[in-house]
Amino acid sequence: MEPHSRRASSHEKAETQLRVIVMDPTWCRFVPRAVALVSRAARLAGAPAPDGVSRNGISPGGISIVLADDRLVRGLNNRHRGRNKPTNVLTYEQPAEILLGLGVVRREAQAAGKPVAAHLIHLLIHGALHLQGHDHHHVGDARRMEAEEARLLARLGVANPWKNR
């Protein structure tokens, strides 16, 4: 990941190999207890447990979750995917990273009439499932991925985003 012009604050627990990096502190204004929420959702979705063993397939080497601004996500999206626009979530396999862009996440949550925190958790789980090999390019694959997202979201008390669409 490229260095960012803003100073990053990091919450890291070495024993879990889960790193939550807040590149844009505005996240904490829109999602109270963002770091704790993201950590809990990431562990449920398969981030390494305290013993260093992944329960659902994310590398025991760890995962970084970056709460970023749209500028950083746009630059990475342009560089790595050829799309010069911000996106909601980017996932990288080596090293395992999930980056989330605040502006896009906020706009999508508002358009869907749901809390930013709920949309953040959904996108985090979506990214974690991609790291485990799930995809949504074909109808059957998409249905399986959506069902797994809904199952994990329910365990976190978040409504199924695929219902009533």
N, C-alpha and C. Protein backbone atom coordinates (compact mmCIF):
# COMPACT_ATOMS: atom_id res chain seq x y z
N MET A 1 0.85 -1.17 0.00
CA MET A 1 0.00 0.00 0.00
C MET A 1 0.89 1.23 0.00
N GLU A 2 0.51 2.23 -0.74
CA GLU A 2 1.26 3.47 -0.83
C GLU A 2 1.18 4.25 0.48
N PRO A 3 2.24 4.99 0.80
CA PRO A 3 2.15 5.85 1.98
C PRO A 3 1.07 6.91 1.75
N HIS A 4 0.45 7.32 2.79
CA HIS A 4 -0.62 8.31 2.71
C HIS A 4 -0.14 9.59 3.37
N SER A 5 -0.65 10.71 2.88
CA SER A 5 -0.17 11.99 3.39
C SER A 5 -0.58 12.25 4.84
N ARG A 6 -1.66 11.63 5.28
CA ARG A 6 -2.08 11.81 6.67
C ARG A 6 -1.43 10.76 7.54
N ARG A 7 -1.27 11.11 8.78
CA ARG A 7 -0.69 10.16 9.72
C ARG A 7 -1.72 9.08 10.05
N ALA A 8 -1.29 7.85 10.04
CA ALA A 8 -2.20 6.74 10.34
C ALA A 8 -2.17 6.43 11.82
N SER A 9 -3.35 6.21 12.38
CA SER A 9 -3.38 5.69 13.73
C SER A 9 -3.72 4.21 13.60
N SER A 10 -3.08 3.39 14.39
CA SER A 10 -3.25 1.95 14.22
C SER A 10 -3.64 1.30 15.54
N HIS A 11 -4.56 0.36 15.44
CA HIS A 11 -4.93 -0.46 16.58
C HIS A 11 -4.52 -1.87 16.18
N GLU A 12 -3.56 -2.44 16.89
CA GLU A 12 -3.04 -3.74 16.50
C GLU A 12 -2.91 -4.63 17.72
N LYS A 13 -3.33 -5.85 17.56
CA LYS A 13 -3.11 -6.86 18.57
C LYS A 13 -2.25 -7.92 17.93
N ALA A 14 -1.00 -7.97 18.32
CA ALA A 14 -0.04 -8.87 17.69
C ALA A 14 -0.49 -10.32 17.74
N GLU A 15 -1.14 -10.73 18.83
CA GLU A 15 -1.48 -12.13 18.94
C GLU A 15 -2.54 -12.57 17.93
N THR A 16 -3.30 -11.66 17.38
CA THR A 16 -4.33 -12.03 16.42
C THR A 16 -3.91 -11.78 14.99
N GLN A 17 -2.84 -11.03 14.78
CA GLN A 17 -2.41 -10.67 13.44
C GLN A 17 -3.50 -9.91 12.68
N LEU A 18 -4.36 -9.24 13.41
CA LEU A 18 -5.40 -8.40 12.83
C LEU A 18 -5.02 -6.95 13.10
N ARG A 19 -4.90 -6.19 12.04
CA ARG A 19 -4.55 -4.78 12.17
C ARG A 19 -5.68 -3.94 11.59
N VAL A 20 -6.19 -3.02 12.38
CA VAL A 20 -7.18 -2.05 11.91
C VAL A 20 -6.46 -0.71 11.90
N ILE A 21 -6.34 -0.14 10.72
CA ILE A 21 -5.62 1.11 10.54
C ILE A 21 -6.62 2.19 10.14
N VAL A 22 -6.69 3.24 10.92
CA VAL A 22 -7.61 4.34 10.64
C VAL A 22 -6.80 5.43 9.94
N MET A 23 -6.88 5.46 8.62
CA MET A 23 -6.17 6.47 7.83
C MET A 23 -6.95 7.79 7.82
N ASP A 24 -8.26 7.69 7.90
CA ASP A 24 -9.11 8.88 7.92
C ASP A 24 -9.89 8.88 9.23
N PRO A 25 -9.51 9.74 10.18
CA PRO A 25 -10.17 9.74 11.48
C PRO A 25 -11.65 10.12 11.42
N THR A 26 -12.11 10.61 10.30
CA THR A 26 -13.54 10.94 10.15
C THR A 26 -14.40 9.69 10.29
N TRP A 27 -13.84 8.53 9.99
CA TRP A 27 -14.58 7.28 10.17
C TRP A 27 -15.15 7.20 11.59
N CYS A 28 -14.36 7.59 12.56
CA CYS A 28 -14.78 7.46 13.95
C CYS A 28 -15.94 8.38 14.30
N ARG A 29 -16.13 9.43 13.52
CA ARG A 29 -17.27 10.32 13.74
C ARG A 29 -18.56 9.68 13.22
N PHE A 30 -18.45 8.94 12.13
CA PHE A 30 -19.64 8.34 11.52
C PHE A 30 -19.93 6.93 12.03
N VAL A 31 -18.90 6.28 12.57
CA VAL A 31 -19.07 4.93 13.09
C VAL A 31 -18.44 4.88 14.49
N PRO A 32 -19.25 5.13 15.51
CA PRO A 32 -18.72 5.07 16.87
C PRO A 32 -18.12 3.69 17.14
N ARG A 33 -16.99 3.68 17.83
CA ARG A 33 -16.28 2.44 18.15
C ARG A 33 -15.94 1.65 16.88
N ALA A 34 -15.54 2.36 15.84
CA ALA A 34 -15.26 1.75 14.54
C ALA A 34 -14.23 0.64 14.63
N VAL A 35 -13.15 0.87 15.36
CA VAL A 35 -12.07 -0.13 15.43
C VAL A 35 -12.58 -1.42 16.09
N ALA A 36 -13.30 -1.30 17.18
CA ALA A 36 -13.83 -2.49 17.86
C ALA A 36 -14.84 -3.22 16.98
N LEU A 37 -15.69 -2.48 16.30
CA LEU A 37 -16.70 -3.06 15.42
C LEU A 37 -16.05 -3.81 14.26
N VAL A 38 -15.08 -3.18 13.63
CA VAL A 38 -14.38 -3.79 12.51
C VAL A 38 -13.62 -5.03 12.97
N SER A 39 -12.97 -4.95 14.12
CA SER A 39 -12.23 -6.09 14.65
C SER A 39 -13.14 -7.29 14.88
N ARG A 40 -14.27 -7.03 15.49
CA ARG A 40 -15.23 -8.12 15.76
C ARG A 40 -15.74 -8.74 14.47
N ALA A 41 -16.12 -7.92 13.51
CA ALA A 41 -16.62 -8.43 12.24
C ALA A 41 -15.55 -9.20 11.48
N ALA A 42 -14.32 -8.71 11.51
CA ALA A 42 -13.23 -9.38 10.80
C ALA A 42 -12.95 -10.74 11.40
N ARG A 43 -12.96 -10.83 12.71
CA ARG A 43 -12.72 -12.14 13.34
C ARG A 43 -13.83 -13.12 12.99
N LEU A 44 -15.07 -12.65 13.01
CA LEU A 44 -16.19 -13.51 12.65
C LEU A 44 -16.07 -13.98 11.20
N ALA A 45 -15.58 -13.10 10.35
CA ALA A 45 -15.48 -13.42 8.92
C ALA A 45 -14.26 -14.26 8.58
N GLY A 46 -13.41 -14.53 9.57
CA GLY A 46 -12.31 -15.44 9.29
C GLY A 46 -10.92 -14.92 9.52
N ALA A 47 -10.78 -13.74 10.10
CA ALA A 47 -9.43 -13.25 10.42
C ALA A 47 -8.82 -14.18 11.45
N PRO A 48 -7.51 -14.26 11.52
CA PRO A 48 -6.87 -15.19 12.44
C PRO A 48 -7.31 -14.99 13.90
N ALA A 49 -7.51 -16.10 14.57
CA ALA A 49 -7.88 -16.09 15.98
C ALA A 49 -6.63 -15.87 16.83
N PRO A 50 -6.80 -15.67 18.14
CA PRO A 50 -5.64 -15.43 19.00
C PRO A 50 -4.55 -16.50 18.90
N ASP A 51 -4.92 -17.74 18.54
CA ASP A 51 -3.90 -18.78 18.42
C ASP A 51 -3.21 -18.74 17.06
N GLY A 52 -3.57 -17.74 16.23
CA GLY A 52 -2.94 -17.59 14.92
C GLY A 52 -3.55 -18.46 13.84
N VAL A 53 -4.61 -19.20 14.16
CA VAL A 53 -5.24 -20.09 13.20
C VAL A 53 -6.47 -19.43 12.61
N SER A 54 -6.55 -19.45 11.30
CA SER A 54 -7.72 -18.91 10.64
C SER A 54 -8.84 -19.94 10.68
N ARG A 55 -10.03 -19.50 11.03
CA ARG A 55 -11.17 -20.42 11.09
C ARG A 55 -11.85 -20.56 9.73
N ASN A 56 -11.75 -19.56 8.87
CA ASN A 56 -12.47 -19.59 7.60
C ASN A 56 -11.59 -19.40 6.38
N GLY A 57 -10.29 -19.43 6.53
CA GLY A 57 -9.44 -19.42 5.35
C GLY A 57 -8.60 -18.19 5.12
N ILE A 58 -8.73 -17.12 5.90
CA ILE A 58 -7.85 -15.97 5.72
C ILE A 58 -6.49 -16.35 6.28
N SER A 59 -5.47 -15.99 5.59
CA SER A 59 -4.10 -16.37 5.93
C SER A 59 -3.79 -16.15 7.40
N PRO A 60 -3.21 -17.17 8.06
CA PRO A 60 -2.77 -16.98 9.44
C PRO A 60 -1.72 -15.89 9.56
N GLY A 61 -1.13 -15.46 8.44
CA GLY A 61 -0.16 -14.37 8.47
C GLY A 61 -0.80 -13.05 8.84
N GLY A 62 -2.10 -12.98 8.80
CA GLY A 62 -2.80 -11.79 9.25
C GLY A 62 -3.51 -11.03 8.15
N ILE A 63 -4.16 -10.00 8.58
CA ILE A 63 -4.94 -9.15 7.68
C ILE A 63 -4.89 -7.73 8.22
N SER A 64 -4.82 -6.79 7.31
CA SER A 64 -4.93 -5.37 7.66
C SER A 64 -6.22 -4.84 7.08
N ILE A 65 -6.95 -4.13 7.91
CA ILE A 65 -8.17 -3.46 7.46
C ILE A 65 -7.91 -1.98 7.58
N VAL A 66 -8.05 -1.28 6.47
CA VAL A 66 -7.71 0.13 6.42
C VAL A 66 -8.98 0.94 6.19
N LEU A 67 -9.29 1.82 7.15
CA LEU A 67 -10.41 2.75 7.01
C LEU A 67 -9.84 4.02 6.41
N ALA A 68 -10.03 4.18 5.13
CA ALA A 68 -9.37 5.23 4.36
C ALA A 68 -10.36 6.26 3.86
N ASP A 69 -9.82 7.27 3.20
CA ASP A 69 -10.65 8.27 2.53
C ASP A 69 -10.76 7.90 1.05
N ASP A 70 -11.65 8.58 0.36
CA ASP A 70 -11.87 8.28 -1.06
C ASP A 70 -10.64 8.57 -1.91
N ARG A 71 -9.85 9.55 -1.53
CA ARG A 71 -8.67 9.90 -2.33
C ARG A 71 -7.68 8.73 -2.41
N LEU A 72 -7.40 8.12 -1.29
CA LEU A 72 -6.49 6.97 -1.28
C LEU A 72 -7.08 5.81 -2.07
N VAL A 73 -8.34 5.50 -1.84
CA VAL A 73 -8.98 4.38 -2.52
C VAL A 73 -9.05 4.64 -4.02
N ARG A 74 -9.33 5.87 -4.41
CA ARG A 74 -9.37 6.21 -5.83
C ARG A 74 -8.00 5.97 -6.48
N GLY A 75 -6.94 6.42 -5.84
CA GLY A 75 -5.60 6.22 -6.39
C GLY A 75 -5.26 4.75 -6.55
N LEU A 76 -5.56 3.95 -5.55
CA LEU A 76 -5.29 2.51 -5.63
C LEU A 76 -6.18 1.83 -6.67
N ASN A 77 -7.43 2.23 -6.73
CA ASN A 77 -8.36 1.67 -7.72
C ASN A 77 -7.87 1.99 -9.13
N ASN A 78 -7.36 3.18 -9.34
CA ASN A 78 -6.83 3.58 -10.64
C ASN A 78 -5.57 2.78 -10.98
N ARG A 79 -4.67 2.71 -10.03
CA ARG A 79 -3.38 2.04 -10.26
C ARG A 79 -3.55 0.54 -10.50
N HIS A 80 -4.40 -0.12 -9.70
CA HIS A 80 -4.47 -1.57 -9.75
C HIS A 80 -5.62 -2.12 -10.58
N ARG A 81 -6.63 -1.31 -10.84
CA ARG A 81 -7.79 -1.81 -11.59
C ARG A 81 -8.09 -0.96 -12.83
N GLY A 82 -7.34 0.14 -13.01
CA GLY A 82 -7.57 1.00 -14.16
C GLY A 82 -8.87 1.77 -14.11
N ARG A 83 -9.42 1.95 -12.92
CA ARG A 83 -10.68 2.69 -12.75
C ARG A 83 -10.39 3.93 -11.92
N ASN A 84 -10.41 5.08 -12.55
CA ASN A 84 -10.04 6.33 -11.88
C ASN A 84 -11.22 6.94 -11.14
N LYS A 85 -11.68 6.19 -10.15
CA LYS A 85 -12.77 6.66 -9.29
C LYS A 85 -12.68 5.92 -7.97
N PRO A 86 -13.20 6.52 -6.93
CA PRO A 86 -13.20 5.80 -5.65
C PRO A 86 -14.20 4.65 -5.70
N THR A 87 -14.01 3.68 -4.86
CA THR A 87 -14.94 2.56 -4.74
C THR A 87 -15.16 2.29 -3.26
N ASN A 88 -16.10 1.45 -2.93
CA ASN A 88 -16.41 1.21 -1.53
C ASN A 88 -15.38 0.33 -0.83
N VAL A 89 -14.91 -0.73 -1.50
CA VAL A 89 -13.97 -1.66 -0.87
C VAL A 89 -12.99 -2.20 -1.90
N LEU A 90 -11.72 -2.29 -1.50
CA LEU A 90 -10.69 -2.93 -2.30
C LEU A 90 -10.08 -4.03 -1.45
N THR A 91 -9.83 -5.16 -2.07
CA THR A 91 -9.26 -6.30 -1.36
C THR A 91 -7.99 -6.74 -2.07
N TYR A 92 -6.95 -6.95 -1.29
CA TYR A 92 -5.67 -7.43 -1.80
C TYR A 92 -5.31 -8.72 -1.07
N GLU A 93 -4.80 -9.69 -1.83
CA GLU A 93 -4.49 -10.99 -1.24
C GLU A 93 -3.15 -11.04 -0.52
N GLN A 94 -2.10 -10.46 -1.09
CA GLN A 94 -0.76 -10.57 -0.50
C GLN A 94 -0.11 -9.21 -0.38
N PRO A 95 0.07 -8.66 0.75
CA PRO A 95 -0.46 -9.16 2.02
C PRO A 95 -1.96 -8.92 2.08
N ALA A 96 -2.64 -9.69 2.91
CA ALA A 96 -4.09 -9.60 2.99
C ALA A 96 -4.50 -8.23 3.54
N GLU A 97 -5.19 -7.48 2.70
CA GLU A 97 -5.65 -6.14 3.09
C GLU A 97 -7.05 -5.89 2.54
N ILE A 98 -7.83 -5.21 3.34
CA ILE A 98 -9.14 -4.73 2.91
C ILE A 98 -9.15 -3.24 3.19
N LEU A 99 -9.37 -2.45 2.14
CA LEU A 99 -9.44 -1.00 2.27
C LEU A 99 -10.86 -0.55 1.99
N LEU A 100 -11.35 0.35 2.83
CA LEU A 100 -12.71 0.86 2.69
C LEU A 100 -12.67 2.38 2.59
N GLY A 101 -13.38 2.92 1.59
CA GLY A 101 -13.41 4.36 1.35
C GLY A 101 -14.63 5.01 2.00
N LEU A 102 -14.37 5.92 2.91
CA LEU A 102 -15.46 6.52 3.70
C LEU A 102 -16.52 7.21 2.86
N GLY A 103 -16.13 8.04 1.92
CA GLY A 103 -17.12 8.80 1.16
C GLY A 103 -18.09 7.90 0.41
N VAL A 104 -17.57 6.91 -0.29
CA VAL A 104 -18.43 6.00 -1.05
C VAL A 104 -19.30 5.19 -0.09
N VAL A 105 -18.72 4.69 0.98
CA VAL A 105 -19.49 3.90 1.94
C VAL A 105 -20.63 4.74 2.54
N ARG A 106 -20.33 5.99 2.90
CA ARG A 106 -21.38 6.87 3.44
C ARG A 106 -22.49 7.13 2.42
N ARG A 107 -22.10 7.44 1.19
CA ARG A 107 -23.12 7.73 0.16
C ARG A 107 -24.00 6.51 -0.12
N GLU A 108 -23.38 5.33 -0.20
CA GLU A 108 -24.16 4.12 -0.44
C GLU A 108 -25.09 3.81 0.72
N ALA A 109 -24.60 3.97 1.94
CA ALA A 109 -25.44 3.73 3.11
C ALA A 109 -26.64 4.67 3.12
N GLN A 110 -26.36 5.95 2.84
CA GLN A 110 -27.44 6.93 2.82
C GLN A 110 -28.47 6.59 1.73
N ALA A 111 -28.00 6.23 0.55
CA ALA A 111 -28.91 5.89 -0.55
C ALA A 111 -29.76 4.66 -0.21
N ALA A 112 -29.19 3.74 0.55
CA ALA A 112 -29.92 2.52 0.92
C ALA A 112 -30.74 2.71 2.20
N GLY A 113 -30.60 3.86 2.86
CA GLY A 113 -31.35 4.13 4.08
C GLY A 113 -30.91 3.27 5.25
N LYS A 114 -29.61 2.98 5.33
CA LYS A 114 -29.13 2.18 6.45
C LYS A 114 -27.96 2.88 7.12
N PRO A 115 -27.66 2.49 8.35
CA PRO A 115 -26.54 3.12 9.06
C PRO A 115 -25.21 2.83 8.38
N VAL A 116 -24.30 3.80 8.48
CA VAL A 116 -22.96 3.63 7.91
C VAL A 116 -22.28 2.41 8.51
N ALA A 117 -22.46 2.19 9.81
CA ALA A 117 -21.83 1.04 10.48
C ALA A 117 -22.29 -0.28 9.87
N ALA A 118 -23.58 -0.41 9.57
CA ALA A 118 -24.10 -1.64 8.98
C ALA A 118 -23.51 -1.87 7.60
N HIS A 119 -23.40 -0.82 6.81
CA HIS A 119 -22.84 -0.96 5.46
C HIS A 119 -21.34 -1.27 5.54
N LEU A 120 -20.65 -0.64 6.47
CA LEU A 120 -19.23 -0.92 6.68
C LEU A 120 -19.02 -2.40 6.99
N ILE A 121 -19.80 -2.93 7.92
CA ILE A 121 -19.66 -4.34 8.29
C ILE A 121 -19.94 -5.23 7.09
N HIS A 122 -20.99 -4.91 6.33
CA HIS A 122 -21.31 -5.71 5.14
C HIS A 122 -20.13 -5.73 4.17
N LEU A 123 -19.57 -4.57 3.88
CA LEU A 123 -18.47 -4.49 2.92
C LEU A 123 -17.21 -5.18 3.46
N LEU A 124 -16.98 -5.09 4.74
CA LEU A 124 -15.84 -5.77 5.34
C LEU A 124 -15.99 -7.29 5.17
N ILE A 125 -17.15 -7.80 5.47
CA ILE A 125 -17.41 -9.23 5.30
C ILE A 125 -17.29 -9.61 3.82
N HIS A 126 -17.81 -8.77 2.96
CA HIS A 126 -17.70 -9.01 1.51
C HIS A 126 -16.23 -9.15 1.11
N GLY A 127 -15.39 -8.22 1.56
CA GLY A 127 -13.97 -8.27 1.25
C GLY A 127 -13.30 -9.50 1.84
N ALA A 128 -13.66 -9.86 3.08
CA ALA A 128 -13.08 -11.04 3.72
C ALA A 128 -13.44 -12.30 2.95
N LEU A 129 -14.66 -12.37 2.44
CA LEU A 129 -15.06 -13.53 1.66
C LEU A 129 -14.28 -13.61 0.34
N HIS A 130 -14.00 -12.45 -0.26
CA HIS A 130 -13.16 -12.46 -1.45
C HIS A 130 -11.78 -13.04 -1.12
N LEU A 131 -11.23 -12.68 0.03
CA LEU A 131 -9.92 -13.22 0.44
C LEU A 131 -9.96 -14.73 0.62
N GLN A 132 -11.13 -15.26 0.87
CA GLN A 132 -11.29 -16.70 1.06
C GLN A 132 -11.63 -17.42 -0.25
N GLY A 133 -11.64 -16.67 -1.35
CA GLY A 133 -11.88 -17.28 -2.65
C GLY A 133 -13.30 -17.16 -3.18
N HIS A 134 -14.18 -16.54 -2.44
CA HIS A 134 -15.54 -16.35 -2.93
C HIS A 134 -15.54 -15.29 -4.03
N ASP A 135 -16.48 -15.40 -4.94
CA ASP A 135 -16.62 -14.40 -6.00
C ASP A 135 -18.08 -14.30 -6.39
N HIS A 136 -18.38 -13.31 -7.22
CA HIS A 136 -19.78 -13.08 -7.60
C HIS A 136 -19.92 -12.79 -9.08
N HIS A 137 -19.01 -13.34 -9.89
CA HIS A 137 -19.07 -13.09 -11.33
C HIS A 137 -20.13 -13.94 -12.03
N HIS A 138 -20.50 -15.05 -11.43
CA HIS A 138 -21.54 -15.92 -11.99
C HIS A 138 -22.69 -16.00 -11.01
N VAL A 139 -23.89 -16.23 -11.54
CA VAL A 139 -25.10 -16.19 -10.72
C VAL A 139 -25.02 -17.14 -9.53
N GLY A 140 -24.64 -18.37 -9.74
CA GLY A 140 -24.56 -19.33 -8.63
C GLY A 140 -23.54 -18.91 -7.58
N ASP A 141 -22.39 -18.44 -8.04
CA ASP A 141 -21.36 -17.97 -7.10
C ASP A 141 -21.86 -16.77 -6.31
N ALA A 142 -22.54 -15.86 -6.99
CA ALA A 142 -23.07 -14.67 -6.32
C ALA A 142 -24.09 -15.06 -5.25
N ARG A 143 -24.95 -16.01 -5.57
CA ARG A 143 -25.95 -16.44 -4.58
C ARG A 143 -25.30 -17.07 -3.36
N ARG A 144 -24.28 -17.90 -3.59
CA ARG A 144 -23.58 -18.52 -2.46
C ARG A 144 -22.87 -17.46 -1.61
N MET A 145 -22.25 -16.48 -2.26
CA MET A 145 -21.55 -15.44 -1.53
C MET A 145 -22.54 -14.58 -0.74
N GLU A 146 -23.65 -14.23 -1.36
CA GLU A 146 -24.67 -13.44 -0.68
C GLU A 146 -25.25 -14.19 0.52
N ALA A 147 -25.46 -15.48 0.38
CA ALA A 147 -25.99 -16.28 1.50
C ALA A 147 -25.00 -16.30 2.66
N GLU A 148 -23.72 -16.44 2.35
CA GLU A 148 -22.70 -16.43 3.41
C GLU A 148 -22.61 -15.05 4.07
N GLU A 149 -22.69 -13.99 3.26
CA GLU A 149 -22.70 -12.64 3.83
C GLU A 149 -23.88 -12.47 4.77
N ALA A 150 -25.07 -12.88 4.33
CA ALA A 150 -26.27 -12.74 5.15
C ALA A 150 -26.14 -13.53 6.45
N ARG A 151 -25.57 -14.74 6.38
CA ARG A 151 -25.38 -15.57 7.58
C ARG A 151 -24.46 -14.89 8.59
N LEU A 152 -23.32 -14.37 8.10
CA LEU A 152 -22.38 -13.70 8.99
C LEU A 152 -22.95 -12.39 9.54
N LEU A 153 -23.64 -11.64 8.70
CA LEU A 153 -24.24 -10.39 9.15
C LEU A 153 -25.28 -10.64 10.24
N ALA A 154 -26.06 -11.69 10.08
CA ALA A 154 -27.07 -12.03 11.10
C ALA A 154 -26.41 -12.29 12.44
N ARG A 155 -25.26 -12.94 12.44
CA ARG A 155 -24.54 -13.21 13.69
C ARG A 155 -24.08 -11.93 14.36
N LEU A 156 -23.96 -10.85 13.58
CA LEU A 156 -23.55 -9.55 14.12
C LEU A 156 -24.75 -8.63 14.36
N GLY A 157 -25.95 -9.14 14.09
CA GLY A 157 -27.15 -8.34 14.30
C GLY A 157 -27.41 -7.31 13.22
N VAL A 158 -26.87 -7.55 12.01
CA VAL A 158 -27.05 -6.64 10.89
C VAL A 158 -28.04 -7.26 9.91
N ALA A 159 -29.00 -6.46 9.46
CA ALA A 159 -30.03 -6.94 8.55
C ALA A 159 -29.44 -7.43 7.23
N ASN A 160 -30.11 -8.40 6.65
CA ASN A 160 -29.70 -8.96 5.37
C ASN A 160 -29.85 -7.90 4.27
N PRO A 161 -28.75 -7.46 3.65
CA PRO A 161 -28.84 -6.44 2.61
C PRO A 161 -29.43 -6.96 1.31
N TRP A 162 -29.55 -8.28 1.17
CA TRP A 162 -30.04 -8.86 -0.07
C TRP A 162 -31.53 -9.12 -0.04
N LYS A 163 -32.15 -8.95 1.11
CA LYS A 163 -33.59 -9.17 1.24
C LYS A 163 -34.35 -8.00 0.62
N ASN A 164 -35.45 -8.29 -0.03
CA ASN A 164 -36.32 -7.25 -0.61
C ASN A 164 -35.62 -6.38 -1.63
N ARG A 165 -34.79 -6.96 -2.46
CA ARG A 165 -34.16 -6.12 -3.48
C ARG A 165 -34.83 -6.31 -4.80
